[in-house]
Amino acid sequence: MPVVAHQIEPLSDEQDLAEAVLAAHDGDPLAALRSVIADAEFLHGQLEIASALISPGLARGWKPKFQRVE
């Protein structure tokens, strides 16, 4: 099933990002989760491309991490 991109409106001080994502998907938690996963996969791919194209000199030796460490 294709995931449709949704535009998230700028957040007010009282609203958090999780509520905004859920609202953008009309309260459907499964659709919201699928959208967040699709975004994460897309950004992971972009990070892989950037990592391959950025020279070590430009990044001063910095290497991206592909897994979040808590």
N, C-alpha and C. Protein backbone atom coordinates (compact mmCIF):
# COMPACT_ATOMS: atom_id res chain seq x y z
N MET A 1 0.85 -1.18 0.00
CA MET A 1 0.00 0.00 0.00
C MET A 1 0.89 1.24 0.00
N PRO A 2 0.71 2.14 -0.99
CA PRO A 2 1.54 3.34 -1.02
C PRO A 2 1.19 4.28 0.13
N VAL A 3 2.20 4.96 0.63
CA VAL A 3 1.99 5.91 1.71
C VAL A 3 1.95 7.30 1.08
N VAL A 4 0.92 8.05 1.43
CA VAL A 4 0.74 9.39 0.88
C VAL A 4 1.38 10.40 1.82
N ALA A 5 2.18 11.30 1.26
CA ALA A 5 2.81 12.34 2.08
C ALA A 5 1.74 13.33 2.53
N HIS A 6 1.84 13.76 3.76
CA HIS A 6 0.92 14.75 4.32
C HIS A 6 1.70 15.97 4.76
N GLN A 7 1.14 17.13 4.53
CA GLN A 7 1.75 18.37 4.99
C GLN A 7 1.35 18.61 6.43
N ILE A 8 2.33 18.83 7.29
CA ILE A 8 2.05 19.11 8.69
C ILE A 8 2.16 20.62 8.88
N GLU A 9 1.12 21.20 9.43
CA GLU A 9 1.10 22.65 9.67
C GLU A 9 2.10 23.00 10.77
N PRO A 10 2.61 24.24 10.77
CA PRO A 10 3.50 24.66 11.86
C PRO A 10 2.83 24.46 13.21
N LEU A 11 3.61 24.06 14.19
CA LEU A 11 3.07 23.74 15.51
C LEU A 11 2.91 24.99 16.36
N SER A 12 1.82 25.02 17.14
CA SER A 12 1.66 26.07 18.14
C SER A 12 2.43 25.64 19.39
N ASP A 13 2.53 26.52 20.34
CA ASP A 13 3.25 26.21 21.57
C ASP A 13 2.59 25.08 22.35
N GLU A 14 1.27 24.92 22.20
CA GLU A 14 0.54 23.92 22.98
C GLU A 14 0.51 22.55 22.31
N GLN A 15 0.85 22.47 21.04
CA GLN A 15 0.70 21.22 20.30
C GLN A 15 2.05 20.53 20.14
N ASP A 16 2.10 19.23 20.30
CA ASP A 16 3.35 18.53 20.06
C ASP A 16 3.32 17.84 18.70
N LEU A 17 4.48 17.40 18.26
CA LEU A 17 4.61 16.83 16.93
C LEU A 17 3.78 15.56 16.76
N ALA A 18 3.73 14.71 17.77
CA ALA A 18 2.95 13.47 17.67
C ALA A 18 1.48 13.78 17.42
N GLU A 19 0.93 14.77 18.11
CA GLU A 19 -0.47 15.15 17.90
C GLU A 19 -0.67 15.70 16.49
N ALA A 20 0.30 16.47 15.99
CA ALA A 20 0.19 17.05 14.65
C ALA A 20 0.22 15.97 13.58
N VAL A 21 1.08 14.96 13.75
CA VAL A 21 1.15 13.87 12.78
C VAL A 21 -0.16 13.09 12.79
N LEU A 22 -0.67 12.81 13.96
CA LEU A 22 -1.94 12.08 14.07
C LEU A 22 -3.09 12.89 13.46
N ALA A 23 -3.11 14.18 13.70
CA ALA A 23 -4.17 15.04 13.14
C ALA A 23 -4.07 15.09 11.62
N ALA A 24 -2.84 15.08 11.08
CA ALA A 24 -2.65 15.13 9.63
C ALA A 24 -3.19 13.87 8.96
N HIS A 25 -3.36 12.80 9.74
CA HIS A 25 -3.88 11.54 9.21
C HIS A 25 -5.28 11.26 9.73
N ASP A 26 -5.99 12.33 10.05
CA ASP A 26 -7.39 12.25 10.51
C ASP A 26 -7.56 11.30 11.69
N GLY A 27 -6.57 11.26 12.58
CA GLY A 27 -6.67 10.45 13.78
C GLY A 27 -6.41 8.97 13.58
N ASP A 28 -6.00 8.57 12.38
CA ASP A 28 -5.73 7.15 12.10
C ASP A 28 -4.29 6.82 12.52
N PRO A 29 -4.11 6.12 13.65
CA PRO A 29 -2.76 5.86 14.14
C PRO A 29 -1.93 4.97 13.21
N LEU A 30 -2.57 4.02 12.53
CA LEU A 30 -1.83 3.15 11.62
C LEU A 30 -1.32 3.93 10.42
N ALA A 31 -2.13 4.80 9.87
CA ALA A 31 -1.70 5.63 8.74
C ALA A 31 -0.58 6.58 9.18
N ALA A 32 -0.70 7.13 10.38
CA ALA A 32 0.34 8.03 10.89
C ALA A 32 1.66 7.29 11.06
N LEU A 33 1.60 6.08 11.61
CA LEU A 33 2.81 5.30 11.81
C LEU A 33 3.45 4.91 10.49
N ARG A 34 2.62 4.52 9.52
CA ARG A 34 3.15 4.18 8.19
C ARG A 34 3.84 5.38 7.56
N SER A 35 3.28 6.56 7.74
CA SER A 35 3.85 7.77 7.19
C SER A 35 5.20 8.09 7.84
N VAL A 36 5.27 7.96 9.15
CA VAL A 36 6.52 8.23 9.87
C VAL A 36 7.59 7.22 9.45
N ILE A 37 7.23 5.97 9.30
CA ILE A 37 8.18 4.94 8.87
C ILE A 37 8.66 5.24 7.45
N ALA A 38 7.75 5.62 6.57
CA ALA A 38 8.14 5.95 5.19
C ALA A 38 9.09 7.14 5.17
N ASP A 39 8.83 8.15 6.00
CA ASP A 39 9.72 9.31 6.09
C ASP A 39 11.10 8.88 6.60
N ALA A 40 11.13 8.03 7.62
CA ALA A 40 12.40 7.57 8.17
C ALA A 40 13.20 6.79 7.13
N GLU A 41 12.54 5.93 6.37
CA GLU A 41 13.22 5.17 5.33
C GLU A 41 13.77 6.09 4.24
N PHE A 42 12.98 7.09 3.85
CA PHE A 42 13.43 8.05 2.84
C PHE A 42 14.66 8.81 3.34
N LEU A 43 14.59 9.31 4.57
CA LEU A 43 15.71 10.08 5.11
C LEU A 43 16.95 9.22 5.31
N HIS A 44 16.76 7.96 5.66
CA HIS A 44 17.89 7.04 5.78
C HIS A 44 18.59 6.89 4.44
N GLY A 45 17.83 6.76 3.38
CA GLY A 45 18.40 6.67 2.03
C GLY A 45 19.14 7.94 1.65
N GLN A 46 18.56 9.10 1.99
CA GLN A 46 19.23 10.36 1.70
C GLN A 46 20.54 10.48 2.47
N LEU A 47 20.56 10.00 3.70
CA LEU A 47 21.78 10.02 4.51
C LEU A 47 22.84 9.12 3.91
N GLU A 48 22.44 7.96 3.40
CA GLU A 48 23.40 7.06 2.74
C GLU A 48 24.02 7.73 1.51
N ILE A 49 23.19 8.40 0.71
CA ILE A 49 23.69 9.08 -0.48
C ILE A 49 24.64 10.20 -0.08
N ALA A 50 24.23 11.01 0.88
CA ALA A 50 25.09 12.12 1.33
C ALA A 50 26.40 11.60 1.89
N SER A 51 26.34 10.51 2.62
CA SER A 51 27.55 9.93 3.21
C SER A 51 28.53 9.49 2.13
N ALA A 52 27.99 8.96 1.04
CA ALA A 52 28.86 8.50 -0.05
C ALA A 52 29.44 9.67 -0.84
N LEU A 53 28.75 10.79 -0.87
CA LEU A 53 29.18 11.91 -1.71
C LEU A 53 30.01 12.96 -0.98
N ILE A 54 29.88 13.05 0.33
CA ILE A 54 30.61 14.06 1.09
C ILE A 54 32.02 13.55 1.38
N SER A 55 32.99 14.36 1.03
CA SER A 55 34.37 13.95 1.27
C SER A 55 34.70 14.08 2.76
N PRO A 56 35.62 13.25 3.25
CA PRO A 56 36.01 13.35 4.67
C PRO A 56 36.56 14.73 5.02
N GLY A 57 37.22 15.40 4.07
CA GLY A 57 37.75 16.73 4.34
C GLY A 57 36.65 17.74 4.58
N LEU A 58 35.59 17.66 3.81
CA LEU A 58 34.48 18.59 3.96
C LEU A 58 33.81 18.41 5.31
N ALA A 59 33.64 17.19 5.74
CA ALA A 59 32.97 16.90 7.00
C ALA A 59 33.95 16.86 8.17
N ARG A 60 35.23 17.11 7.89
CA ARG A 60 36.30 17.09 8.91
C ARG A 60 36.30 15.79 9.70
N GLY A 61 36.13 14.68 8.96
CA GLY A 61 36.21 13.37 9.58
C GLY A 61 34.90 12.86 10.17
N TRP A 62 33.88 13.70 10.19
CA TRP A 62 32.60 13.28 10.76
C TRP A 62 31.97 12.23 9.86
N LYS A 63 31.43 11.20 10.46
CA LYS A 63 30.70 10.15 9.74
C LYS A 63 29.29 10.08 10.32
N PRO A 64 28.28 10.00 9.47
CA PRO A 64 26.91 9.91 9.99
C PRO A 64 26.66 8.57 10.67
N LYS A 65 25.75 8.58 11.60
CA LYS A 65 25.32 7.34 12.25
C LYS A 65 24.00 6.94 11.62
N PHE A 66 23.84 5.68 11.32
CA PHE A 66 22.64 5.21 10.68
C PHE A 66 21.65 4.59 11.66
N GLN A 67 22.06 4.44 12.91
CA GLN A 67 21.18 3.93 13.95
C GLN A 67 21.18 4.90 15.11
N ARG A 68 20.00 5.15 15.64
CA ARG A 68 19.88 6.05 16.79
C ARG A 68 20.35 5.31 18.04
N VAL A 69 21.16 5.95 18.84
CA VAL A 69 21.66 5.35 20.08
C VAL A 69 21.06 6.14 21.24
N GLU A 70 20.43 5.42 22.15
CA GLU A 70 19.82 6.11 23.30
C GLU A 70 20.66 5.92 24.52
